């Protein structure tokens, strides 16, 4: 109350005013509350993700990661021109910021070869 009393404003208004709280008291948001030194975050209620939404999110993340793997392979190959497969895989692990399964990496490299991005 010391800080709020100094500036004469409160974030919540109690109706009726007073220090004691009873079951019949109401609290209102004070939309006029403004102060340069205060930042107030009000968290929203987080809803649970349904199984379907979770599957969709996982698929989108996987798709985005495929593009990132492709881009990293192309970047490395442009810089090196030729490279042994084991060195390419090693560079990819260093380059990418997320865990990659070797099988996924192999599929992306094969896909780039099929699309004539590399030989």
PDB file of N, CA and C in Angstrom:
ATOM      1  N   UNK A   1       0.809  -1.191   0.000  1.00  0.00           N
ATOM      2  CA  UNK A   1       0.000   0.000   0.000  1.00  0.00           C
ATOM      3  C   UNK A   1       0.853   1.255   0.000  1.00  0.00           C
ATOM      4  N   UNK A   2       2.124   1.171   0.419  1.00  0.00           N
ATOM      5  CA  UNK A   2       2.996   2.341   0.466  1.00  0.00           C
ATOM      6  C   UNK A   2       3.223   2.936  -0.907  1.00  0.00           C
ATOM      7  N   UNK A   3       3.506   2.097  -1.879  1.00  0.00           N
ATOM      8  CA  UNK A   3       3.768   2.585  -3.235  1.00  0.00           C
ATOM      9  C   UNK A   3       2.487   3.139  -3.844  1.00  0.00           C
ATOM     10  N   UNK A   4       1.388   2.378  -3.727  1.00  0.00           N
ATOM     11  CA  UNK A   4       0.126   2.831  -4.303  1.00  0.00           C
ATOM     12  C   UNK A   4      -0.379   4.088  -3.620  1.00  0.00           C
ATOM     13  N   UNK A   5      -0.199   4.195  -2.293  1.00  0.00           N
ATOM     14  CA  UNK A   5      -0.668   5.372  -1.569  1.00  0.00           C
ATOM     15  C   UNK A   5       0.107   6.614  -1.997  1.00  0.00           C
ATOM     16  N   UNK A   6       1.410   6.444  -2.275  1.00  0.00           N
ATOM     17  CA  UNK A   6       2.229   7.579  -2.714  1.00  0.00           C
ATOM     18  C   UNK A   6       1.680   8.185  -3.996  1.00  0.00           C
ATOM     19  N   UNK A   7       1.270   7.358  -4.916  1.00  0.00           N
ATOM     20  CA  UNK A   7       0.832   7.856  -6.218  1.00  0.00           C
ATOM     21  C   UNK A   7      -0.680   8.008  -6.306  1.00  0.00           C
ATOM     22  N   UNK A   8      -1.401   7.590  -5.262  1.00  0.00           N
ATOM     23  CA  UNK A   8      -2.836   7.815  -5.210  1.00  0.00           C
ATOM     24  C   UNK A   8      -3.633   6.971  -6.178  1.00  0.00           C
ATOM     25  N   UNK A   9      -3.086   5.865  -6.641  1.00  0.00           N
ATOM     26  CA  UNK A   9      -3.827   5.034  -7.583  1.00  0.00           C
ATOM     27  C   UNK A   9      -3.599   3.568  -7.247  1.00  0.00           C
ATOM     28  N   UNK A  10      -4.601   2.779  -7.506  1.00  0.00           N
ATOM     29  CA  UNK A  10      -4.499   1.337  -7.288  1.00  0.00           C
ATOM     30  C   UNK A  10      -4.970   0.624  -8.553  1.00  0.00           C
ATOM     31  N   UNK A  11      -4.407  -0.562  -8.771  1.00  0.00           N
ATOM     32  CA  UNK A  11      -4.796  -1.352  -9.941  1.00  0.00           C
ATOM     33  C   UNK A  11      -6.199  -1.899  -9.748  1.00  0.00           C
ATOM     34  N   UNK A  12      -6.487  -2.356  -8.520  1.00  0.00           N
ATOM     35  CA  UNK A  12      -7.827  -2.856  -8.200  1.00  0.00           C
ATOM     36  C   UNK A  12      -8.508  -1.893  -7.237  1.00  0.00           C
ATOM     37  N   UNK A  13      -9.804  -1.688  -7.447  1.00  0.00           N
ATOM     38  CA  UNK A  13     -10.604  -0.883  -6.526  1.00  0.00           C
ATOM     39  C   UNK A  13     -11.489  -1.831  -5.730  1.00  0.00           C
ATOM     40  N   UNK A  14     -11.564  -1.600  -4.434  1.00  0.00           N
ATOM     41  CA  UNK A  14     -12.411  -2.430  -3.566  1.00  0.00           C
ATOM     42  C   UNK A  14     -13.689  -1.657  -3.279  1.00  0.00           C
ATOM     43  N   UNK A  15     -14.815  -2.358  -3.424  1.00  0.00           N
ATOM     44  CA  UNK A  15     -16.108  -1.722  -3.148  1.00  0.00           C
ATOM     45  C   UNK A  15     -16.817  -2.578  -2.110  1.00  0.00           C
ATOM     46  N   UNK A  16     -17.164  -2.068  -0.968  1.00  0.00           N
ATOM     47  CA  UNK A  16     -16.899  -0.735  -0.443  1.00  0.00           C
ATOM     48  C   UNK A  16     -15.444  -0.591   0.006  1.00  0.00           C
ATOM     49  N   UNK A  17     -14.930   0.636  -0.019  1.00  0.00           N
ATOM     50  CA  UNK A  17     -13.540   0.911   0.351  1.00  0.00           C
ATOM     51  C   UNK A  17     -13.319   0.556   1.813  1.00  0.00           C
ATOM     52  N   UNK A  18     -12.113   0.139   2.132  1.00  0.00           N
ATOM     53  CA  UNK A  18     -11.775  -0.215   3.512  1.00  0.00           C
ATOM     54  C   UNK A  18     -10.726  -1.305   3.513  1.00  0.00           C
ATOM     55  N   UNK A  19     -10.155  -1.568   4.699  1.00  0.00           N
ATOM     56  CA  UNK A  19      -9.085  -2.557   4.798  1.00  0.00           C
ATOM     57  C   UNK A  19      -9.614  -3.961   4.992  1.00  0.00           C
ATOM     58  N   UNK A  20     -10.759  -4.122   5.605  1.00  0.00           N
ATOM     59  CA  UNK A  20     -11.329  -5.438   5.867  1.00  0.00           C
ATOM     60  C   UNK A  20     -12.007  -5.970   4.601  1.00  0.00           C
ATOM     61  N   UNK A  21     -11.882  -7.285   4.398  1.00  0.00           N
ATOM     62  CA  UNK A  21     -12.495  -7.914   3.220  1.00  0.00           C
ATOM     63  C   UNK A  21     -13.564  -8.887   3.687  1.00  0.00           C
ATOM     64  N   UNK A  22     -14.745  -8.755   3.097  1.00  0.00           N
ATOM     65  CA  UNK A  22     -15.832  -9.688   3.399  1.00  0.00           C
ATOM     66  C   UNK A  22     -16.307 -10.335   2.110  1.00  0.00           C
ATOM     67  N   UNK A  23     -17.153 -11.340   2.234  1.00  0.00           N
ATOM     68  CA  UNK A  23     -17.643 -12.078   1.060  1.00  0.00           C
ATOM     69  C   UNK A  23     -18.474 -11.202   0.119  1.00  0.00           C
ATOM     70  N   UNK A  24     -19.037 -10.162   0.604  1.00  0.00           N
ATOM     71  CA  UNK A  24     -19.899  -9.308  -0.224  1.00  0.00           C
ATOM     72  C   UNK A  24     -19.112  -8.215  -0.953  1.00  0.00           C
ATOM     73  N   UNK A  25     -17.838  -8.057  -0.619  1.00  0.00           N
ATOM     74  CA  UNK A  25     -17.023  -7.022  -1.271  1.00  0.00           C
ATOM     75  C   UNK A  25     -16.804  -7.361  -2.746  1.00  0.00           C
ATOM     76  N   UNK A  26     -16.695  -6.314  -3.545  1.00  0.00           N
ATOM     77  CA  UNK A  26     -16.414  -6.473  -4.983  1.00  0.00           C
ATOM     78  C   UNK A  26     -15.091  -5.803  -5.287  1.00  0.00           C
ATOM     79  N   UNK A  27     -14.401  -6.331  -6.315  1.00  0.00           N
ATOM     80  CA  UNK A  27     -13.157  -5.719  -6.781  1.00  0.00           C
ATOM     81  C   UNK A  27     -13.312  -5.404  -8.257  1.00  0.00           C
ATOM     82  N   UNK A  28     -12.896  -4.199  -8.640  1.00  0.00           N
ATOM     83  CA  UNK A  28     -12.969  -3.766 -10.033  1.00  0.00           C
ATOM     84  C   UNK A  28     -11.576  -3.410 -10.524  1.00  0.00           C
ATOM     85  N   UNK A  29     -11.366  -3.615 -11.790  1.00  0.00           N
ATOM     86  CA  UNK A  29     -10.127  -3.187 -12.428  1.00  0.00           C
ATOM     87  C   UNK A  29     -10.182  -1.673 -12.618  1.00  0.00           C
ATOM     88  N   UNK A  30      -9.127  -0.979 -12.241  1.00  0.00           N
ATOM     89  CA  UNK A  30      -9.042   0.466 -12.388  1.00  0.00           C
ATOM     90  C   UNK A  30      -8.384   0.772 -13.736  1.00  0.00           C
ATOM     91  N   UNK A  31      -9.192   1.033 -14.746  1.00  0.00           N
ATOM     92  CA  UNK A  31      -8.675   1.287 -16.094  1.00  0.00           C
ATOM     93  C   UNK A  31      -7.886   2.591 -16.173  1.00  0.00           C
ATOM     94  N   UNK A  32      -8.065   3.479 -15.194  1.00  0.00           N
ATOM     95  CA  UNK A  32      -7.350   4.756 -15.193  1.00  0.00           C
ATOM     96  C   UNK A  32      -5.949   4.645 -14.605  1.00  0.00           C
ATOM     97  N   UNK A  33      -5.586   3.469 -14.084  1.00  0.00           N
ATOM     98  CA  UNK A  33      -4.265   3.299 -13.464  1.00  0.00           C
ATOM     99  C   UNK A  33      -3.184   3.428 -14.535  1.00  0.00           C
ATOM    100  N   UNK A  34      -2.284   4.380 -14.359  1.00  0.00           N
ATOM    101  CA  UNK A  34      -1.163   4.595 -15.278  1.00  0.00           C
ATOM    102  C   UNK A  34       0.026   5.015 -14.452  1.00  0.00           C
ATOM    103  N   UNK A  35       1.175   4.420 -14.731  1.00  0.00           N
ATOM    104  CA  UNK A  35       2.394   4.864 -14.081  1.00  0.00           C
ATOM    105  C   UNK A  35       3.590   4.377 -14.883  1.00  0.00           C
ATOM    106  N   UNK A  36       4.561   5.244 -15.093  1.00  0.00           N
ATOM    107  CA  UNK A  36       5.728   4.924 -15.909  1.00  0.00           C
ATOM    108  C   UNK A  36       6.614   3.866 -15.276  1.00  0.00           C
ATOM    109  N   UNK A  37       6.638   3.775 -13.953  1.00  0.00           N
ATOM    110  CA  UNK A  37       7.536   2.847 -13.271  1.00  0.00           C
ATOM    111  C   UNK A  37       6.933   1.460 -13.050  1.00  0.00           C
ATOM    112  N   UNK A  38       5.662   1.304 -13.295  1.00  0.00           N
ATOM    113  CA  UNK A  38       5.013   0.021 -13.048  1.00  0.00           C
ATOM    114  C   UNK A  38       4.635  -0.655 -14.350  1.00  0.00           C
ATOM    115  N   UNK A  39       4.931  -1.937 -14.437  1.00  0.00           N
ATOM    116  CA  UNK A  39       4.469  -2.767 -15.536  1.00  0.00           C
ATOM    117  C   UNK A  39       3.733  -3.922 -14.907  1.00  0.00           C
ATOM    118  N   UNK A  40       2.530  -4.139 -15.287  1.00  0.00           N
ATOM    119  CA  UNK A  40       1.735  -5.194 -14.684  1.00  0.00           C
ATOM    120  C   UNK A  40       1.369  -6.195 -15.763  1.00  0.00           C
ATOM    121  N   UNK A  41       1.721  -7.439 -15.504  1.00  0.00           N
ATOM    122  CA  UNK A  41       1.360  -8.508 -16.434  1.00  0.00           C
ATOM    123  C   UNK A  41       0.222  -9.305 -15.820  1.00  0.00           C
ATOM    124  N   UNK A  42      -0.790  -9.512 -16.604  1.00  0.00           N
ATOM    125  CA  UNK A  42      -1.915 -10.323 -16.156  1.00  0.00           C
ATOM    126  C   UNK A  42      -1.927 -11.560 -17.042  1.00  0.00           C
ATOM    127  N   UNK A  43      -1.641 -12.698 -16.430  1.00  0.00           N
ATOM    128  CA  UNK A  43      -1.565 -13.947 -17.192  1.00  0.00           C
ATOM    129  C   UNK A  43      -2.944 -14.389 -17.632  1.00  0.00           C
ATOM    130  N   UNK A  44      -2.996 -14.895 -18.845  1.00  0.00           N
ATOM    131  CA  UNK A  44      -4.244 -15.441 -19.345  1.00  0.00           C
ATOM    132  C   UNK A  44      -4.360 -16.885 -18.886  1.00  0.00           C
ATOM    133  N   UNK A  45      -5.553 -17.378 -18.878  1.00  0.00           N
ATOM    134  CA  UNK A  45      -5.764 -18.778 -18.541  1.00  0.00           C
ATOM    135  C   UNK A  45      -5.255 -19.604 -19.713  1.00  0.00           C
ATOM    136  N   UNK A  46      -4.398 -20.554 -19.411  1.00  0.00           N
ATOM    137  CA  UNK A  46      -3.844 -21.382 -20.479  1.00  0.00           C
ATOM    138  C   UNK A  46      -4.752 -22.588 -20.683  1.00  0.00           C
ATOM    139  N   UNK A  47      -5.161 -22.754 -21.921  1.00  0.00           N
ATOM    140  CA  UNK A  47      -6.010 -23.901 -22.229  1.00  0.00           C
ATOM    141  C   UNK A  47      -5.143 -25.092 -22.576  1.00  0.00           C
ATOM    142  N   UNK A  48      -5.630 -26.246 -22.310  1.00  0.00           N
ATOM    143  CA  UNK A  48      -4.916 -27.474 -22.638  1.00  0.00           C
ATOM    144  C   UNK A  48      -5.057 -27.732 -24.128  1.00  0.00           C
ATOM    145  N   UNK A  49      -3.963 -28.194 -24.712  1.00  0.00           N
ATOM    146  CA  UNK A  49      -3.972 -28.506 -26.136  1.00  0.00           C
ATOM    147  C   UNK A  49      -4.619 -29.878 -26.324  1.00  0.00           C
ATOM    148  N   UNK A  50      -5.546 -29.966 -27.278  1.00  0.00           N
ATOM    149  CA  UNK A  50      -6.181 -31.262 -27.541  1.00  0.00           C
ATOM    150  C   UNK A  50      -5.182 -32.171 -28.239  1.00  0.00           C
ATOM    151  N   UNK A  51      -5.483 -33.443 -28.279  1.00  0.00           N
ATOM    152  CA  UNK A  51      -4.600 -34.414 -28.918  1.00  0.00           C
ATOM    153  C   UNK A  51      -4.431 -34.081 -30.397  1.00  0.00           C
ATOM    154  N   UNK A  52      -5.518 -33.687 -31.042  1.00  0.00           N
ATOM    155  CA  UNK A  52      -5.472 -33.340 -32.470  1.00  0.00           C
ATOM    156  C   UNK A  52      -4.571 -32.122 -32.704  1.00  0.00           C
ATOM    157  N   UNK A  53      -4.712 -31.098 -31.859  1.00  0.00           N
ATOM    158  CA  UNK A  53      -3.866 -29.910 -31.983  1.00  0.00           C
ATOM    159  C   UNK A  53      -2.408 -30.255 -31.732  1.00  0.00           C
ATOM    160  N   UNK A  54      -2.174 -31.143 -30.778  1.00  0.00           N
ATOM    161  CA  UNK A  54      -0.819 -31.565 -30.461  1.00  0.00           C
ATOM    162  C   UNK A  54      -0.188 -32.282 -31.657  1.00  0.00           C
ATOM    163  N   UNK A  55      -0.946 -33.127 -32.323  1.00  0.00           N
ATOM    164  CA  UNK A  55      -0.455 -33.842 -33.516  1.00  0.00           C
ATOM    165  C   UNK A  55      -0.161 -32.845 -34.629  1.00  0.00           C
ATOM    166  N   UNK A  56      -1.068 -31.882 -34.846  1.00  0.00           N
ATOM    167  CA  UNK A  56      -0.862 -30.859 -35.881  1.00  0.00           C
ATOM    168  C   UNK A  56       0.387 -30.033 -35.605  1.00  0.00           C
ATOM    169  N   UNK A  57       0.581 -29.657 -34.350  1.00  0.00           N
ATOM    170  CA  UNK A  57       1.759 -28.872 -33.975  1.00  0.00           C
ATOM    171  C   UNK A  57       3.030 -29.665 -34.234  1.00  0.00           C
ATOM    172  N   UNK A  58       3.027 -30.933 -33.840  1.00  0.00           N
ATOM    173  CA  UNK A  58       4.193 -31.792 -34.046  1.00  0.00           C
ATOM    174  C   UNK A  58       4.516 -31.924 -35.528  1.00  0.00           C
ATOM    175  N   UNK A  59       3.487 -32.075 -36.357  1.00  0.00           N
ATOM    176  CA  UNK A  59       3.702 -32.199 -37.808  1.00  0.00           C
ATOM    177  C   UNK A  59       4.280 -30.911 -38.390  1.00  0.00           C
ATOM    178  N   UNK A  60       3.759 -29.767 -37.948  1.00  0.00           N
ATOM    179  CA  UNK A  60       4.277 -28.485 -38.452  1.00  0.00           C
ATOM    180  C   UNK A  60       5.732 -28.284 -38.051  1.00  0.00           C
ATOM    181  N   UNK A  61       6.065 -28.634 -36.809  1.00  0.00           N
ATOM    182  CA  UNK A  61       7.445 -28.509 -36.343  1.00  0.00           C
ATOM    183  C   UNK A  61       8.351 -29.418 -37.160  1.00  0.00           C
ATOM    184  N   UNK A  62       7.908 -30.647 -37.408  1.00  0.00           N
ATOM    185  CA  UNK A  62       8.693 -31.594 -38.201  1.00  0.00           C
ATOM    186  C   UNK A  62       8.919 -31.049 -39.607  1.00  0.00           C
ATOM    187  N   UNK A  63       7.873 -30.484 -40.208  1.00  0.00           N
ATOM    188  CA  UNK A  63       7.984 -29.914 -41.559  1.00  0.00           C
ATOM    189  C   UNK A  63       8.972 -28.750 -41.579  1.00  0.00           C
ATOM    190  N   UNK A  64       8.879 -27.866 -40.597  1.00  0.00           N
ATOM    191  CA  UNK A  64       9.803 -26.731 -40.516  1.00  0.00           C
ATOM    192  C   UNK A  64      11.235 -27.209 -40.352  1.00  0.00           C
ATOM    193  N   UNK A  65      11.416 -28.237 -39.551  1.00  0.00           N
ATOM    194  CA  UNK A  65      12.762 -28.766 -39.328  1.00  0.00           C
ATOM    195  C   UNK A  65      13.323 -29.409 -40.582  1.00  0.00           C
ATOM    196  N   UNK A  66      12.467 -30.026 -41.389  1.00  0.00           N
ATOM    197  CA  UNK A  66      12.935 -30.588 -42.654  1.00  0.00           C
ATOM    198  C   UNK A  66      13.525 -29.493 -43.531  1.00  0.00           C
ATOM    199  N   UNK A  67      12.844 -28.358 -43.602  1.00  0.00           N
ATOM    200  CA  UNK A  67      13.352 -27.239 -44.400  1.00  0.00           C
ATOM    201  C   UNK A  67      14.676 -26.724 -43.843  1.00  0.00           C
ATOM    202  N   UNK A  68      14.791 -26.703 -42.516  1.00  0.00           N
ATOM    203  CA  UNK A  68      16.041 -26.246 -41.899  1.00  0.00           C
ATOM    204  C   UNK A  68      17.184 -27.212 -42.203  1.00  0.00           C
ATOM    205  N   UNK A  69      16.885 -28.514 -42.189  1.00  0.00           N
ATOM    206  CA  UNK A  69      17.916 -29.504 -42.521  1.00  0.00           C
ATOM    207  C   UNK A  69      18.342 -29.322 -43.973  1.00  0.00           C
ATOM    208  N   UNK A  70      17.363 -29.179 -44.878  1.00  0.00           N
ATOM    209  CA  UNK A  70      17.675 -28.974 -46.301  1.00  0.00           C
ATOM    210  C   UNK A  70      18.560 -27.747 -46.493  1.00  0.00           C
ATOM    211  N   UNK A  71      18.184 -26.656 -45.834  1.00  0.00           N
ATOM    212  CA  UNK A  71      18.945 -25.413 -45.988  1.00  0.00           C
ATOM    213  C   UNK A  71      20.366 -25.581 -45.462  1.00  0.00           C
ATOM    214  N   UNK A  72      20.515 -26.273 -44.337  1.00  0.00           N
ATOM    215  CA  UNK A  72      21.842 -26.479 -43.767  1.00  0.00           C
ATOM    216  C   UNK A  72      22.708 -27.338 -44.690  1.00  0.00           C
ATOM    217  N   UNK A  73      22.132 -28.384 -45.273  1.00  0.00           N
ATOM    218  CA  UNK A  73      22.880 -29.255 -46.197  1.00  0.00           C
ATOM    219  C   UNK A  73      23.342 -28.445 -47.395  1.00  0.00           C
ATOM    220  N   UNK A  74      22.424 -27.665 -47.987  1.00  0.00           N
ATOM    221  CA  UNK A  74      22.773 -26.864 -49.166  1.00  0.00           C
ATOM    222  C   UNK A  74      23.857 -25.850 -48.816  1.00  0.00           C
ATOM    223  N   UNK A  75      23.738 -25.213 -47.654  1.00  0.00           N
ATOM    224  CA  UNK A  75      24.746 -24.232 -47.216  1.00  0.00           C
ATOM    225  C   UNK A  75      26.123 -24.875 -47.079  1.00  0.00           C
ATOM    226  N   UNK A  76      26.163 -26.029 -46.438  1.00  0.00           N
ATOM    227  CA  UNK A  76      27.436 -26.729 -46.240  1.00  0.00           C
ATOM    228  C   UNK A  76      28.020 -27.154 -47.585  1.00  0.00           C
ATOM    229  N   UNK A  77      27.179 -27.664 -48.466  1.00  0.00           N
ATOM    230  CA  UNK A  77      27.662 -28.141 -49.770  1.00  0.00           C
ATOM    231  C   UNK A  77      28.144 -26.972 -50.646  1.00  0.00           C
ATOM    232  N   UNK A  78      27.493 -25.839 -50.542  1.00  0.00           N
ATOM    233  CA  UNK A  78      27.960 -24.674 -51.308  1.00  0.00           C
ATOM    234  C   UNK A  78      29.346 -24.246 -50.843  1.00  0.00           C
ATOM    235  N   UNK A  79      29.564 -24.327 -49.533  1.00  0.00           N
ATOM    236  CA  UNK A  79      30.854 -23.916 -48.987  1.00  0.00           C
ATOM    237  C   UNK A  79      31.947 -24.923 -49.297  1.00  0.00           C
ATOM    238  N   UNK A  80      31.614 -26.205 -49.269  1.00  0.00           N
ATOM    239  CA  UNK A  80      32.631 -27.253 -49.405  1.00  0.00           C
ATOM    240  C   UNK A  80      32.739 -27.853 -50.808  1.00  0.00           C
ATOM    241  N   UNK A  81      31.723 -27.741 -51.619  1.00  0.00           N
ATOM    242  CA  UNK A  81      31.633 -28.346 -52.956  1.00  0.00           C
ATOM    243  C   UNK A  81      31.597 -29.871 -52.879  1.00  0.00           C
ATOM    244  N   UNK A  82      32.629 -30.508 -52.325  1.00  0.00           N
ATOM    245  CA  UNK A  82      32.604 -31.958 -52.125  1.00  0.00           C
ATOM    246  C   UNK A  82      32.961 -32.240 -50.670  1.00  0.00           C
ATOM    247  N   UNK A  83      32.311 -33.262 -50.111  1.00  0.00           N
ATOM    248  CA  UNK A  83      32.541 -33.618 -48.710  1.00  0.00           C
ATOM    249  C   UNK A  83      32.135 -35.067 -48.514  1.00  0.00           C
ATOM    250  N   UNK A  84      32.830 -35.757 -47.636  1.00  0.00           N
ATOM    251  CA  UNK A  84      32.466 -37.133 -47.331  1.00  0.00           C
ATOM    252  C   UNK A  84      31.167 -37.131 -46.534  1.00  0.00           C
ATOM    253  N   UNK A  85      30.405 -38.210 -46.690  1.00  0.00           N
ATOM    254  CA  UNK A  85      29.098 -38.313 -46.035  1.00  0.00           C
ATOM    255  C   UNK A  85      29.234 -38.164 -44.522  1.00  0.00           C
ATOM    256  N   UNK A  86      30.203 -38.838 -43.923  1.00  0.00           N
ATOM    257  CA  UNK A  86      30.362 -38.782 -42.465  1.00  0.00           C
ATOM    258  C   UNK A  86      30.692 -37.361 -42.003  1.00  0.00           C
ATOM    259  N   UNK A  87      31.499 -36.626 -42.784  1.00  0.00           N
ATOM    260  CA  UNK A  87      31.810 -35.240 -42.429  1.00  0.00           C
ATOM    261  C   UNK A  87      30.588 -34.337 -42.586  1.00  0.00           C
ATOM    262  N   UNK A  88      29.786 -34.606 -43.616  1.00  0.00           N
ATOM    263  CA  UNK A  88      28.557 -33.835 -43.829  1.00  0.00           C
ATOM    264  C   UNK A  88      27.611 -34.009 -42.637  1.00  0.00           C
ATOM    265  N   UNK A  89      27.439 -35.262 -42.218  1.00  0.00           N
ATOM    266  CA  UNK A  89      26.558 -35.546 -41.084  1.00  0.00           C
ATOM    267  C   UNK A  89      27.085 -34.859 -39.824  1.00  0.00           C
ATOM    268  N   UNK A  90      28.392 -34.928 -39.617  1.00  0.00           N
ATOM    269  CA  UNK A  90      29.007 -34.283 -38.458  1.00  0.00           C
ATOM    270  C   UNK A  90      28.778 -32.777 -38.491  1.00  0.00           C
ATOM    271  N   UNK A  91      28.979 -32.164 -39.646  1.00  0.00           N
ATOM    272  CA  UNK A  91      28.754 -30.706 -39.793  1.00  0.00           C
ATOM    273  C   UNK A  91      27.287 -30.353 -39.537  1.00  0.00           C
ATOM    274  N   UNK A  92      26.389 -31.221 -40.001  1.00  0.00           N
ATOM    275  CA  UNK A  92      24.964 -30.957 -39.795  1.00  0.00           C
ATOM    276  C   UNK A  92      24.620 -30.953 -38.303  1.00  0.00           C
ATOM    277  N   UNK A  93      25.166 -31.916 -37.564  1.00  0.00           N
ATOM    278  CA  UNK A  93      24.909 -31.945 -36.119  1.00  0.00           C
ATOM    279  C   UNK A  93      25.400 -30.656 -35.459  1.00  0.00           C
ATOM    280  N   UNK A  94      26.539 -30.138 -35.919  1.00  0.00           N
ATOM    281  CA  UNK A  94      27.069 -28.892 -35.356  1.00  0.00           C
ATOM    282  C   UNK A  94      26.246 -27.686 -35.783  1.00  0.00           C
ATOM    283  N   UNK A  95      25.716 -27.740 -36.981  1.00  0.00           N
ATOM    284  CA  UNK A  95      24.997 -26.616 -37.579  1.00  0.00           C
ATOM    285  C   UNK A  95      23.586 -26.445 -37.009  1.00  0.00           C
ATOM    286  N   UNK A  96      22.903 -27.571 -36.795  1.00  0.00           N
ATOM    287  CA  UNK A  96      21.494 -27.520 -36.408  1.00  0.00           C
ATOM    288  C   UNK A  96      21.346 -27.359 -34.898  1.00  0.00           C
ATOM    289  N   UNK A  97      20.349 -26.585 -34.506  1.00  0.00           N
ATOM    290  CA  UNK A  97      20.134 -26.261 -33.096  1.00  0.00           C
ATOM    291  C   UNK A  97      19.150 -27.205 -32.404  1.00  0.00           C
ATOM    292  N   UNK A  98      18.669 -28.209 -33.106  1.00  0.00           N
ATOM    293  CA  UNK A  98      17.705 -29.149 -32.533  1.00  0.00           C
ATOM    294  C   UNK A  98      18.191 -30.568 -32.775  1.00  0.00           C
ATOM    295  N   UNK A  99      17.748 -31.530 -31.964  1.00  0.00           N
ATOM    296  CA  UNK A  99      18.195 -32.915 -32.155  1.00  0.00           C
ATOM    297  C   UNK A  99      17.619 -33.494 -33.443  1.00  0.00           C
ATOM    298  N   UNK A 100      18.467 -34.180 -34.195  1.00  0.00           N
ATOM    299  CA  UNK A 100      18.052 -34.769 -35.474  1.00  0.00           C
ATOM    300  C   UNK A 100      18.335 -36.257 -35.427  1.00  0.00           C
ATOM    301  N   UNK A 101      17.365 -37.034 -35.874  1.00  0.00           N
ATOM    302  CA  UNK A 101      17.569 -38.474 -35.967  1.00  0.00           C
ATOM    303  C   UNK A 101      18.373 -38.756 -37.231  1.00  0.00           C
ATOM    304  N   UNK A 102      19.320 -39.674 -37.156  1.00  0.00           N
ATOM    305  CA  UNK A 102      20.124 -39.995 -38.349  1.00  0.00           C
ATOM    306  C   UNK A 102      19.265 -40.403 -39.544  1.00  0.00           C
ATOM    307  N   UNK A 103      18.171 -41.118 -39.294  1.00  0.00           N
ATOM    308  CA  UNK A 103      17.296 -41.551 -40.385  1.00  0.00           C
ATOM    309  C   UNK A 103      16.656 -40.346 -41.088  1.00  0.00           C
ATOM    310  N   UNK A 104      16.220 -39.354 -40.301  1.00  0.00           N
ATOM    311  CA  UNK A 104      15.626 -38.140 -40.890  1.00  0.00           C
ATOM    312  C   UNK A 104      16.656 -37.398 -41.730  1.00  0.00           C
ATOM    313  N   UNK A 105      17.886 -37.319 -41.221  1.00  0.00           N
ATOM    314  CA  UNK A 105      18.952 -36.640 -41.948  1.00  0.00           C
ATOM    315  C   UNK A 105      19.237 -37.355 -43.275  1.00  0.00           C
ATOM    316  N   UNK A 106      19.275 -38.676 -43.209  1.00  0.00           N
ATOM    317  CA  UNK A 106      19.537 -39.478 -44.416  1.00  0.00           C
ATOM    318  C   UNK A 106      18.436 -39.237 -45.460  1.00  0.00           C
ATOM    319  N   UNK A 107      17.171 -39.201 -44.987  1.00  0.00           N
ATOM    320  CA  UNK A 107      16.044 -38.970 -45.900  1.00  0.00           C
ATOM    321  C   UNK A 107      16.151 -37.599 -46.562  1.00  0.00           C
ATOM    322  N   UNK A 108      16.548 -36.579 -45.800  1.00  0.00           N
ATOM    323  CA  UNK A 108      16.657 -35.230 -46.356  1.00  0.00           C
ATOM    324  C   UNK A 108      17.778 -35.158 -47.390  1.00  0.00           C
ATOM    325  N   UNK A 109      18.905 -35.817 -47.109  1.00  0.00           N
ATOM    326  CA  UNK A 109      20.016 -35.833 -48.072  1.00  0.00           C
ATOM    327  C   UNK A 109      19.584 -36.546 -49.342  1.00  0.00           C
ATOM    328  N   UNK A 110      18.900 -37.696 -49.199  1.00  0.00           N
ATOM    329  CA  UNK A 110      18.406 -38.436 -50.373  1.00  0.00           C
ATOM    330  C   UNK A 110      17.411 -37.588 -51.161  1.00  0.00           C
ATOM    331  N   UNK A 111      16.556 -36.858 -50.460  1.00  0.00           N
ATOM    332  CA  UNK A 111      15.578 -35.999 -51.124  1.00  0.00           C
ATOM    333  C   UNK A 111      16.276 -34.912 -51.938  1.00  0.00           C
ATOM    334  N   UNK A 112      17.333 -34.324 -51.386  1.00  0.00           N
ATOM    335  CA  UNK A 112      18.080 -33.296 -52.116  1.00  0.00           C
ATOM    336  C   UNK A 112      18.779 -33.882 -53.347  1.00  0.00           C
ATOM    337  N   UNK A 113      19.272 -35.096 -53.216  1.00  0.00           N
ATOM    338  CA  UNK A 113      19.905 -35.769 -54.369  1.00  0.00           C
ATOM    339  C   UNK A 113      18.859 -36.020 -55.447  1.00  0.00           C
ATOM    340  N   UNK A 114      17.677 -36.508 -55.061  1.00  0.00           N
ATOM    341  CA  UNK A 114      16.598 -36.769 -56.027  1.00  0.00           C
ATOM    342  C   UNK A 114      16.157 -35.499 -56.732  1.00  0.00           C
ATOM    343  N   UNK A 115      16.164 -34.382 -56.029  1.00  0.00           N
ATOM    344  CA  UNK A 115      15.731 -33.118 -56.616  1.00  0.00           C
ATOM    345  C   UNK A 115      16.890 -32.376 -57.297  1.00  0.00           C
ATOM    346  N   UNK A 116      18.012 -33.049 -57.483  1.00  0.00           N
ATOM    347  CA  UNK A 116      19.195 -32.525 -58.178  1.00  0.00           C
ATOM    348  C   UNK A 116      19.817 -31.309 -57.511  1.00  0.00           C
ATOM    349  N   UNK A 117      19.694 -31.217 -56.185  1.00  0.00           N
ATOM    350  CA  UNK A 117      20.401 -30.164 -55.473  1.00  0.00           C
ATOM    351  C   UNK A 117      21.841 -30.569 -55.205  1.00  0.00           C
ATOM    352  N   UNK A 118      22.083 -31.888 -55.197  1.00  0.00           N
ATOM    353  CA  UNK A 118      23.432 -32.394 -54.989  1.00  0.00           C
ATOM    354  C   UNK A 118      23.572 -33.748 -55.668  1.00  0.00           C
ATOM    355  N   UNK A 119      24.818 -34.174 -55.815  1.00  0.00           N
ATOM    356  CA  UNK A 119      25.095 -35.458 -56.470  1.00  0.00           C
ATOM    357  C   UNK A 119      25.763 -36.401 -55.509  1.00  0.00           C
TER     358      UNK A 119
END
